[in-house]
Amino acid sequence: MKFDLSLFKTILFSLGVVSFVIGVYQTIILQNLQANYWIFMVSMCCWLPLRYWRQKEAAEAKAAAQAAATRPSSAVEPPRGGRKPGRKRR
């Protein structure tokens, strides 16, 4: 069985959002942020790996774009001489 990282990311994000909403609700009802601090920390613990993975993916994409930009332009061969297709001679 293959581990699906995108499903894990979705679950972490959902758990983070739900715990944040519960924390806000409990804080409003109880009017005590200190008693609900742990709920906000659960939310943050769910979001921290997501931020790390997004930054890592962005850095990899940037490195790939730089590698593609530094390739020599001679790697692409210019078109050979001759007639262009679809053009009639006069």
PDB file of N, CA and C in Angstrom:
ATOM      1  N   MET A   1       0.842  -1.174   0.000  1.00  0.00           N
ATOM      2  CA  MET A   1       0.000   0.000   0.000  1.00  0.00           C
ATOM      3  C   MET A   1       0.884   1.233   0.000  1.00  0.00           C
ATOM      4  N   LYS A   2       0.615   2.146  -0.907  1.00  0.00           N
ATOM      5  CA  LYS A   2       1.419   3.352  -1.047  1.00  0.00           C
ATOM      6  C   LYS A   2       0.838   4.463  -0.167  1.00  0.00           C
ATOM      7  N   PHE A   3       1.714   5.189   0.501  1.00  0.00           N
ATOM      8  CA  PHE A   3       1.298   6.286   1.373  1.00  0.00           C
ATOM      9  C   PHE A   3       1.004   7.512   0.529  1.00  0.00           C
ATOM     10  N   ASP A   4      -0.194   8.047   0.665  1.00  0.00           N
ATOM     11  CA  ASP A   4      -0.618   9.207  -0.120  1.00  0.00           C
ATOM     12  C   ASP A   4      -0.389  10.473   0.696  1.00  0.00           C
ATOM     13  N   LEU A   5       0.634  11.246   0.341  1.00  0.00           N
ATOM     14  CA  LEU A   5       0.981  12.447   1.086  1.00  0.00           C
ATOM     15  C   LEU A   5      -0.065  13.541   0.908  1.00  0.00           C
ATOM     16  N   SER A   6      -0.690  13.619  -0.249  1.00  0.00           N
ATOM     17  CA  SER A   6      -1.700  14.656  -0.456  1.00  0.00           C
ATOM     18  C   SER A   6      -2.918  14.438   0.435  1.00  0.00           C
ATOM     19  N   LEU A   7      -3.297  13.189   0.661  1.00  0.00           N
ATOM     20  CA  LEU A   7      -4.402  12.897   1.577  1.00  0.00           C
ATOM     21  C   LEU A   7      -4.020  13.275   3.004  1.00  0.00           C
ATOM     22  N   PHE A   8      -2.796  12.981   3.381  1.00  0.00           N
ATOM     23  CA  PHE A   8      -2.306  13.331   4.712  1.00  0.00           C
ATOM     24  C   PHE A   8      -2.291  14.851   4.895  1.00  0.00           C
ATOM     25  N   LYS A   9      -1.883  15.580   3.860  1.00  0.00           N
ATOM     26  CA  LYS A   9      -1.885  17.045   3.925  1.00  0.00           C
ATOM     27  C   LYS A   9      -3.303  17.579   4.078  1.00  0.00           C
ATOM     28  N   THR A  10      -4.247  16.993   3.377  1.00  0.00           N
ATOM     29  CA  THR A  10      -5.641  17.410   3.476  1.00  0.00           C
ATOM     30  C   THR A  10      -6.201  17.159   4.875  1.00  0.00           C
ATOM     31  N   ILE A  11      -5.878  16.013   5.437  1.00  0.00           N
ATOM     32  CA  ILE A  11      -6.343  15.690   6.787  1.00  0.00           C
ATOM     33  C   ILE A  11      -5.724  16.634   7.805  1.00  0.00           C
ATOM     34  N   LEU A  12      -4.431  16.908   7.681  1.00  0.00           N
ATOM     35  CA  LEU A  12      -3.788  17.847   8.602  1.00  0.00           C
ATOM     36  C   LEU A  12      -4.397  19.237   8.512  1.00  0.00           C
ATOM     37  N   PHE A  13      -4.635  19.703   7.297  1.00  0.00           N
ATOM     38  CA  PHE A  13      -5.231  21.023   7.120  1.00  0.00           C
ATOM     39  C   PHE A  13      -6.633  21.069   7.727  1.00  0.00           C
ATOM     40  N   SER A  14      -7.429  20.041   7.468  1.00  0.00           N
ATOM     41  CA  SER A  14      -8.794  19.998   8.006  1.00  0.00           C
ATOM     42  C   SER A  14      -8.784  19.955   9.527  1.00  0.00           C
ATOM     43  N   LEU A  15      -7.920  19.156  10.097  1.00  0.00           N
ATOM     44  CA  LEU A  15      -7.820  19.071  11.553  1.00  0.00           C
ATOM     45  C   LEU A  15      -7.377  20.405  12.146  1.00  0.00           C
ATOM     46  N   GLY A  16      -6.465  21.083  11.466  1.00  0.00           N
ATOM     47  CA  GLY A  16      -6.021  22.396  11.929  1.00  0.00           C
ATOM     48  C   GLY A  16      -7.139  23.422  11.898  1.00  0.00           C
ATOM     49  N   VAL A  17      -7.918  23.432  10.835  1.00  0.00           N
ATOM     50  CA  VAL A  17      -9.026  24.388  10.719  1.00  0.00           C
ATOM     51  C   VAL A  17     -10.096  24.097  11.767  1.00  0.00           C
ATOM     52  N   VAL A  18     -10.451  22.832  11.926  1.00  0.00           N
ATOM     53  CA  VAL A  18     -11.488  22.458  12.891  1.00  0.00           C
ATOM     54  C   VAL A  18     -11.047  22.811  14.311  1.00  0.00           C
ATOM     55  N   SER A  19      -9.811  22.501  14.662  1.00  0.00           N
ATOM     56  CA  SER A  19      -9.352  22.814  16.019  1.00  0.00           C
ATOM     57  C   SER A  19      -9.273  24.326  16.238  1.00  0.00           C
ATOM     58  N   PHE A  20      -8.941  25.088  15.211  1.00  0.00           N
ATOM     59  CA  PHE A  20      -8.914  26.546  15.352  1.00  0.00           C
ATOM     60  C   PHE A  20     -10.322  27.092  15.581  1.00  0.00           C
ATOM     61  N   VAL A  21     -11.281  26.588  14.813  1.00  0.00           N
ATOM     62  CA  VAL A  21     -12.667  27.041  14.975  1.00  0.00           C
ATOM     63  C   VAL A  21     -13.197  26.667  16.362  1.00  0.00           C
ATOM     64  N   ILE A  22     -12.887  25.462  16.811  1.00  0.00           N
ATOM     65  CA  ILE A  22     -13.308  25.055  18.159  1.00  0.00           C
ATOM     66  C   ILE A  22     -12.654  25.936  19.208  1.00  0.00           C
ATOM     67  N   GLY A  23     -11.389  26.251  19.023  1.00  0.00           N
ATOM     68  CA  GLY A  23     -10.695  27.121  19.970  1.00  0.00           C
ATOM     69  C   GLY A  23     -11.308  28.512  20.035  1.00  0.00           C
ATOM     70  N   VAL A  24     -11.651  29.069  18.881  1.00  0.00           N
ATOM     71  CA  VAL A  24     -12.289  30.394  18.858  1.00  0.00           C
ATOM     72  C   VAL A  24     -13.648  30.333  19.536  1.00  0.00           C
ATOM     73  N   TYR A  25     -14.418  29.305  19.245  1.00  0.00           N
ATOM     74  CA  TYR A  25     -15.741  29.163  19.843  1.00  0.00           C
ATOM     75  C   TYR A  25     -15.645  29.035  21.367  1.00  0.00           C
ATOM     76  N   GLN A  26     -14.747  28.169  21.820  1.00  0.00           N
ATOM     77  CA  GLN A  26     -14.586  27.983  23.268  1.00  0.00           C
ATOM     78  C   GLN A  26     -14.095  29.257  23.943  1.00  0.00           C
ATOM     79  N   THR A  27     -13.222  29.992  23.275  1.00  0.00           N
ATOM     80  CA  THR A  27     -12.727  31.240  23.844  1.00  0.00           C
ATOM     81  C   THR A  27     -13.841  32.266  23.976  1.00  0.00           C
ATOM     82  N   ILE A  28     -14.720  32.330  22.981  1.00  0.00           N
ATOM     83  CA  ILE A  28     -15.839  33.278  23.037  1.00  0.00           C
ATOM     84  C   ILE A  28     -16.833  32.862  24.131  1.00  0.00           C
ATOM     85  N   ILE A  29     -17.134  31.580  24.213  1.00  0.00           N
ATOM     86  CA  ILE A  29     -18.116  31.104  25.190  1.00  0.00           C
ATOM     87  C   ILE A  29     -17.574  31.238  26.620  1.00  0.00           C
ATOM     88  N   LEU A  30     -16.354  30.760  26.844  1.00  0.00           N
ATOM     89  CA  LEU A  30     -15.786  30.770  28.196  1.00  0.00           C
ATOM     90  C   LEU A  30     -15.126  32.101  28.549  1.00  0.00           C
ATOM     91  N   GLN A  31     -14.838  32.910  27.552  1.00  0.00           N
ATOM     92  CA  GLN A  31     -14.125  34.176  27.723  1.00  0.00           C
ATOM     93  C   GLN A  31     -12.818  33.979  28.495  1.00  0.00           C
ATOM     94  N   ASN A  32     -12.102  32.924  28.098  1.00  0.00           N
ATOM     95  CA  ASN A  32     -10.848  32.603  28.755  1.00  0.00           C
ATOM     96  C   ASN A  32      -9.910  31.981  27.725  1.00  0.00           C
ATOM     97  N   LEU A  33      -8.982  32.779  27.225  1.00  0.00           N
ATOM     98  CA  LEU A  33      -8.041  32.300  26.219  1.00  0.00           C
ATOM     99  C   LEU A  33      -7.042  31.319  26.810  1.00  0.00           C
ATOM    100  N   GLN A  34      -6.666  31.520  28.034  1.00  0.00           N
ATOM    101  CA  GLN A  34      -5.657  30.658  28.657  1.00  0.00           C
ATOM    102  C   GLN A  34      -6.141  29.217  28.789  1.00  0.00           C
ATOM    103  N   ALA A  35      -7.415  29.018  29.032  1.00  0.00           N
ATOM    104  CA  ALA A  35      -7.942  27.666  29.167  1.00  0.00           C
ATOM    105  C   ALA A  35      -7.995  26.943  27.821  1.00  0.00           C
ATOM    106  N   ASN A  36      -8.021  27.698  26.722  1.00  0.00           N
ATOM    107  CA  ASN A  36      -8.140  27.103  25.392  1.00  0.00           C
ATOM    108  C   ASN A  36      -6.861  27.204  24.580  1.00  0.00           C
ATOM    109  N   TYR A  37      -5.794  27.580  25.222  1.00  0.00           N
ATOM    110  CA  TYR A  37      -4.525  27.744  24.532  1.00  0.00           C
ATOM    111  C   TYR A  37      -4.084  26.446  23.869  1.00  0.00           C
ATOM    112  N   TRP A  38      -4.287  25.336  24.530  1.00  0.00           N
ATOM    113  CA  TRP A  38      -3.847  24.045  23.995  1.00  0.00           C
ATOM    114  C   TRP A  38      -4.564  23.705  22.690  1.00  0.00           C
ATOM    115  N   ILE A  39      -5.817  24.148  22.553  1.00  0.00           N
ATOM    116  CA  ILE A  39      -6.552  23.873  21.308  1.00  0.00           C
ATOM    117  C   ILE A  39      -5.904  24.632  20.145  1.00  0.00           C
ATOM    118  N   PHE A  40      -5.490  25.868  20.397  1.00  0.00           N
ATOM    119  CA  PHE A  40      -4.806  26.636  19.354  1.00  0.00           C
ATOM    120  C   PHE A  40      -3.451  26.020  19.011  1.00  0.00           C
ATOM    121  N   MET A  41      -2.790  25.434  19.997  1.00  0.00           N
ATOM    122  CA  MET A  41      -1.499  24.790  19.737  1.00  0.00           C
ATOM    123  C   MET A  41      -1.669  23.527  18.895  1.00  0.00           C
ATOM    124  N   VAL A  42      -2.758  22.811  19.084  1.00  0.00           N
ATOM    125  CA  VAL A  42      -3.050  21.650  18.223  1.00  0.00           C
ATOM    126  C   VAL A  42      -3.209  22.124  16.783  1.00  0.00           C
ATOM    127  N   SER A  43      -3.902  23.233  16.626  1.00  0.00           N
ATOM    128  CA  SER A  43      -4.091  23.793  15.296  1.00  0.00           C
ATOM    129  C   SER A  43      -2.750  24.173  14.666  1.00  0.00           C
ATOM    130  N   MET A  44      -1.913  24.837  15.427  1.00  0.00           N
ATOM    131  CA  MET A  44      -0.606  25.251  14.903  1.00  0.00           C
ATOM    132  C   MET A  44       0.279  24.047  14.589  1.00  0.00           C
ATOM    133  N   CYS A  45       0.203  23.007  15.407  1.00  0.00           N
ATOM    134  CA  CYS A  45       0.993  21.794  15.141  1.00  0.00           C
ATOM    135  C   CYS A  45       0.544  21.096  13.860  1.00  0.00           C
ATOM    136  N   CYS A  46      -0.701  21.299  13.484  1.00  0.00           N
ATOM    137  CA  CYS A  46      -1.178  20.732  12.214  1.00  0.00           C
ATOM    138  C   CYS A  46      -0.713  21.572  11.032  1.00  0.00           C
ATOM    139  N   TRP A  47      -0.596  22.884  11.216  1.00  0.00           N
ATOM    140  CA  TRP A  47      -0.233  23.768  10.105  1.00  0.00           C
ATOM    141  C   TRP A  47       1.269  23.877   9.879  1.00  0.00           C
ATOM    142  N   LEU A  48       2.074  23.651  10.906  1.00  0.00           N
ATOM    143  CA  LEU A  48       3.523  23.803  10.736  1.00  0.00           C
ATOM    144  C   LEU A  48       4.112  22.863   9.682  1.00  0.00           C
ATOM    145  N   PRO A  49       3.783  21.574   9.695  1.00  0.00           N
ATOM    146  CA  PRO A  49       4.337  20.718   8.629  1.00  0.00           C
ATOM    147  C   PRO A  49       3.867  21.133   7.237  1.00  0.00           C
ATOM    148  N   LEU A  50       2.635  21.626   7.141  1.00  0.00           N
ATOM    149  CA  LEU A  50       2.128  22.064   5.838  1.00  0.00           C
ATOM    150  C   LEU A  50       2.947  23.232   5.303  1.00  0.00           C
ATOM    151  N   ARG A  51       3.244  24.199   6.170  1.00  0.00           N
ATOM    152  CA  ARG A  51       4.063  25.339   5.749  1.00  0.00           C
ATOM    153  C   ARG A  51       5.461  24.872   5.342  1.00  0.00           C
ATOM    154  N   TYR A  52       6.033  23.945   6.087  1.00  0.00           N
ATOM    155  CA  TYR A  52       7.360  23.422   5.771  1.00  0.00           C
ATOM    156  C   TYR A  52       7.369  22.750   4.401  1.00  0.00           C
ATOM    157  N   TRP A  53       6.375  21.905   4.148  1.00  0.00           N
ATOM    158  CA  TRP A  53       6.319  21.204   2.867  1.00  0.00           C
ATOM    159  C   TRP A  53       6.094  22.161   1.706  1.00  0.00           C
ATOM    160  N   ARG A  54       5.266  23.185   1.904  1.00  0.00           N
ATOM    161  CA  ARG A  54       5.027  24.166   0.836  1.00  0.00           C
ATOM    162  C   ARG A  54       6.290  24.956   0.522  1.00  0.00           C
ATOM    163  N   GLN A  55       7.031  25.346   1.555  1.00  0.00           N
ATOM    164  CA  GLN A  55       8.285  26.068   1.315  1.00  0.00           C
ATOM    165  C   GLN A  55       9.302  25.171   0.628  1.00  0.00           C
ATOM    166  N   LYS A  56       9.335  23.916   1.006  1.00  0.00           N
ATOM    167  CA  LYS A  56      10.259  22.967   0.383  1.00  0.00           C
ATOM    168  C   LYS A  56       9.912  22.762  -1.091  1.00  0.00           C
ATOM    169  N   GLU A  57       8.615  22.624  -1.393  1.00  0.00           N
ATOM    170  CA  GLU A  57       8.187  22.466  -2.782  1.00  0.00           C
ATOM    171  C   GLU A  57       8.485  23.718  -3.601  1.00  0.00           C
ATOM    172  N   ALA A  58       8.303  24.891  -3.000  1.00  0.00           N
ATOM    173  CA  ALA A  58       8.584  26.139  -3.710  1.00  0.00           C
ATOM    174  C   ALA A  58      10.074  26.269  -4.004  1.00  0.00           C
ATOM    175  N   ALA A  59      10.912  25.873  -3.047  1.00  0.00           N
ATOM    176  CA  ALA A  59      12.361  25.935  -3.263  1.00  0.00           C
ATOM    177  C   ALA A  59      12.789  24.960  -4.362  1.00  0.00           C
ATOM    178  N   GLU A  60      12.185  23.780  -4.387  1.00  0.00           N
ATOM    179  CA  GLU A  60      12.509  22.803  -5.433  1.00  0.00           C
ATOM    180  C   GLU A  60      12.065  23.303  -6.803  1.00  0.00           C
ATOM    181  N   ALA A  61      10.900  23.930  -6.862  1.00  0.00           N
ATOM    182  CA  ALA A  61      10.411  24.461  -8.138  1.00  0.00           C
ATOM    183  C   ALA A  61      11.294  25.601  -8.618  1.00  0.00           C
ATOM    184  N   LYS A  62      11.742  26.429  -7.692  1.00  0.00           N
ATOM    185  CA  LYS A  62      12.624  27.537  -8.063  1.00  0.00           C
ATOM    186  C   LYS A  62      13.965  27.014  -8.565  1.00  0.00           C
ATOM    187  N   ALA A  63      14.495  25.991  -7.910  1.00  0.00           N
ATOM    188  CA  ALA A  63      15.754  25.396  -8.350  1.00  0.00           C
ATOM    189  C   ALA A  63      15.605  24.751  -9.725  1.00  0.00           C
ATOM    190  N   ALA A  64      14.469  24.114  -9.974  1.00  0.00           N
ATOM    191  CA  ALA A  64      14.234  23.502 -11.281  1.00  0.00           C
ATOM    192  C   ALA A  64      14.103  24.566 -12.372  1.00  0.00           C
ATOM    193  N   ALA A  65      13.464  25.688 -12.034  1.00  0.00           N
ATOM    194  CA  ALA A  65      13.325  26.770 -13.018  1.00  0.00           C
ATOM    195  C   ALA A  65      14.681  27.397 -13.330  1.00  0.00           C
ATOM    196  N   GLN A  66      15.518  27.547 -12.315  1.00  0.00           N
ATOM    197  CA  GLN A  66      16.850  28.100 -12.540  1.00  0.00           C
ATOM    198  C   GLN A  66      17.701  27.137 -13.361  1.00  0.00           C
ATOM    199  N   ALA A  67      17.561  25.839 -13.094  1.00  0.00           N
ATOM    200  CA  ALA A  67      18.321  24.849 -13.861  1.00  0.00           C
ATOM    201  C   ALA A  67      17.876  24.856 -15.319  1.00  0.00           C
ATOM    202  N   ALA A  68      16.585  25.023 -15.548  1.00  0.00           N
ATOM    203  CA  ALA A  68      16.084  25.070 -16.925  1.00  0.00           C
ATOM    204  C   ALA A  68      16.538  26.342 -17.634  1.00  0.00           C
ATOM    205  N   ALA A  69      16.662  27.431 -16.888  1.00  0.00           N
ATOM    206  CA  ALA A  69      17.073  28.700 -17.487  1.00  0.00           C
ATOM    207  C   ALA A  69      18.561  28.715 -17.811  1.00  0.00           C
ATOM    208  N   THR A  70      19.358  27.944 -17.089  1.00  0.00           N
ATOM    209  CA  THR A  70      20.799  27.959 -17.309  1.00  0.00           C
ATOM    210  C   THR A  70      21.255  26.921 -18.328  1.00  0.00           C
ATOM    211  N   ARG A  71      20.321  26.146 -18.870  1.00  0.00           N
ATOM    212  CA  ARG A  71      20.701  25.193 -19.914  1.00  0.00           C
ATOM    213  C   ARG A  71      21.179  25.966 -21.139  1.00  0.00           C
ATOM    214  N   PRO A  72      22.171  25.442 -21.819  1.00  0.00           N
ATOM    215  CA  PRO A  72      22.642  26.150 -23.021  1.00  0.00           C
ATOM    216  C   PRO A  72      21.563  26.156 -24.107  1.00  0.00           C
ATOM    217  N   SER A  73      21.484  27.255 -24.801  1.00  0.00           N
ATOM    218  CA  SER A  73      20.462  27.387 -25.834  1.00  0.00           C
ATOM    219  C   SER A  73      20.781  26.532 -27.053  1.00  0.00           C
ATOM    220  N   SER A  74      22.011  26.031 -27.153  1.00  0.00           N
ATOM    221  CA  SER A  74      22.367  25.190 -28.289  1.00  0.00           C
ATOM    222  C   SER A  74      21.749  23.805 -28.168  1.00  0.00           C
ATOM    223  N   ALA A  75      21.146  23.506 -27.037  1.00  0.00           N
ATOM    224  CA  ALA A  75      20.506  22.206 -26.878  1.00  0.00           C
ATOM    225  C   ALA A  75      19.307  22.082 -27.805  1.00  0.00           C
ATOM    226  N   VAL A  76      18.705  23.186 -28.179  1.00  0.00           N
ATOM    227  CA  VAL A  76      17.584  23.176 -29.103  1.00  0.00           C
ATOM    228  C   VAL A  76      18.137  23.461 -30.495  1.00  0.00           C
ATOM    229  N   GLU A  77      17.925  22.522 -31.393  1.00  0.00           N
ATOM    230  CA  GLU A  77      18.457  22.697 -32.740  1.00  0.00           C
ATOM    231  C   GLU A  77      17.586  23.669 -33.526  1.00  0.00           C
ATOM    232  N   PRO A  78      18.225  24.554 -34.274  1.00  0.00           N
ATOM    233  CA  PRO A  78      17.432  25.458 -35.114  1.00  0.00           C
ATOM    234  C   PRO A  78      16.805  24.666 -36.252  1.00  0.00           C
ATOM    235  N   PRO A  79      15.716  25.145 -36.801  1.00  0.00           N
ATOM    236  CA  PRO A  79      15.077  24.415 -37.900  1.00  0.00           C
ATOM    237  C   PRO A  79      15.975  24.413 -39.127  1.00  0.00           C
ATOM    238  N   ARG A  80      15.907  23.336 -39.856  1.00  0.00           N
ATOM    239  CA  ARG A  80      16.715  23.207 -41.074  1.00  0.00           C
ATOM    240  C   ARG A  80      16.129  24.072 -42.171  1.00  0.00           C
ATOM    241  N   GLY A  81      16.973  24.433 -43.115  1.00  0.00           N
ATOM    242  CA  GLY A  81      16.511  25.250 -44.240  1.00  0.00           C
ATOM    243  C   GLY A  81      15.552  24.489 -45.124  1.00  0.00           C
ATOM    244  N   GLY A  82      14.898  25.196 -46.000  1.00  0.00           N
ATOM    245  CA  GLY A  82      13.950  24.554 -46.901  1.00  0.00           C
ATOM    246  C   GLY A  82      12.628  25.280 -46.890  1.00  0.00           C
ATOM    247  N   ARG A  83      11.706  24.696 -47.599  1.00  0.00           N
ATOM    248  CA  ARG A  83      10.390  25.318 -47.665  1.00  0.00           C
ATOM    249  C   ARG A  83       9.636  25.131 -46.364  1.00  0.00           C
ATOM    250  N   LYS A  84       8.797  26.102 -46.110  1.00  0.00           N
ATOM    251  CA  LYS A  84       7.902  25.966 -44.971  1.00  0.00           C
ATOM    252  C   LYS A  84       6.702  25.168 -45.431  1.00  0.00           C
ATOM    253  N   PRO A  85       6.209  24.296 -44.605  1.00  0.00           N
ATOM    254  CA  PRO A  85       5.072  23.482 -45.031  1.00  0.00           C
ATOM    255  C   PRO A  85       3.826  24.343 -45.228  1.00  0.00           C
ATOM    256  N   GLY A  86       3.077  23.999 -46.232  1.00  0.00           N
ATOM    257  CA  GLY A  86       1.831  24.696 -46.506  1.00  0.00           C
ATOM    258  C   GLY A  86       2.003  25.941 -47.358  1.00  0.00           C
ATOM    259  N   ARG A  87       3.205  26.276 -47.740  1.00  0.00           N
ATOM    260  CA  ARG A  87       3.436  27.471 -48.542  1.00  0.00           C
ATOM    261  C   ARG A  87       3.723  27.056 -49.985  1.00  0.00           C
ATOM    262  N   LYS A  88       3.065  27.684 -50.921  1.00  0.00           N
ATOM    263  CA  LYS A  88       3.233  27.315 -52.317  1.00  0.00           C
ATOM    264  C   LYS A  88       4.336  28.149 -52.944  1.00  0.00           C
ATOM    265  N   ARG A  89       5.045  27.520 -53.906  1.00  0.00           N
ATOM    266  CA  ARG A  89       6.058  28.257 -54.664  1.00  0.00           C
ATOM    267  C   ARG A  89       5.397  28.916 -55.836  1.00  0.00           C
ATOM    268  N   ARG A  90       5.931  30.033 -56.225  1.00  0.00           N
ATOM    269  CA  ARG A  90       5.375  30.724 -57.394  1.00  0.00           C
ATOM    270  C   ARG A  90       6.259  30.607 -58.576  1.00  0.00           C
TER     271      ARG A  90
END
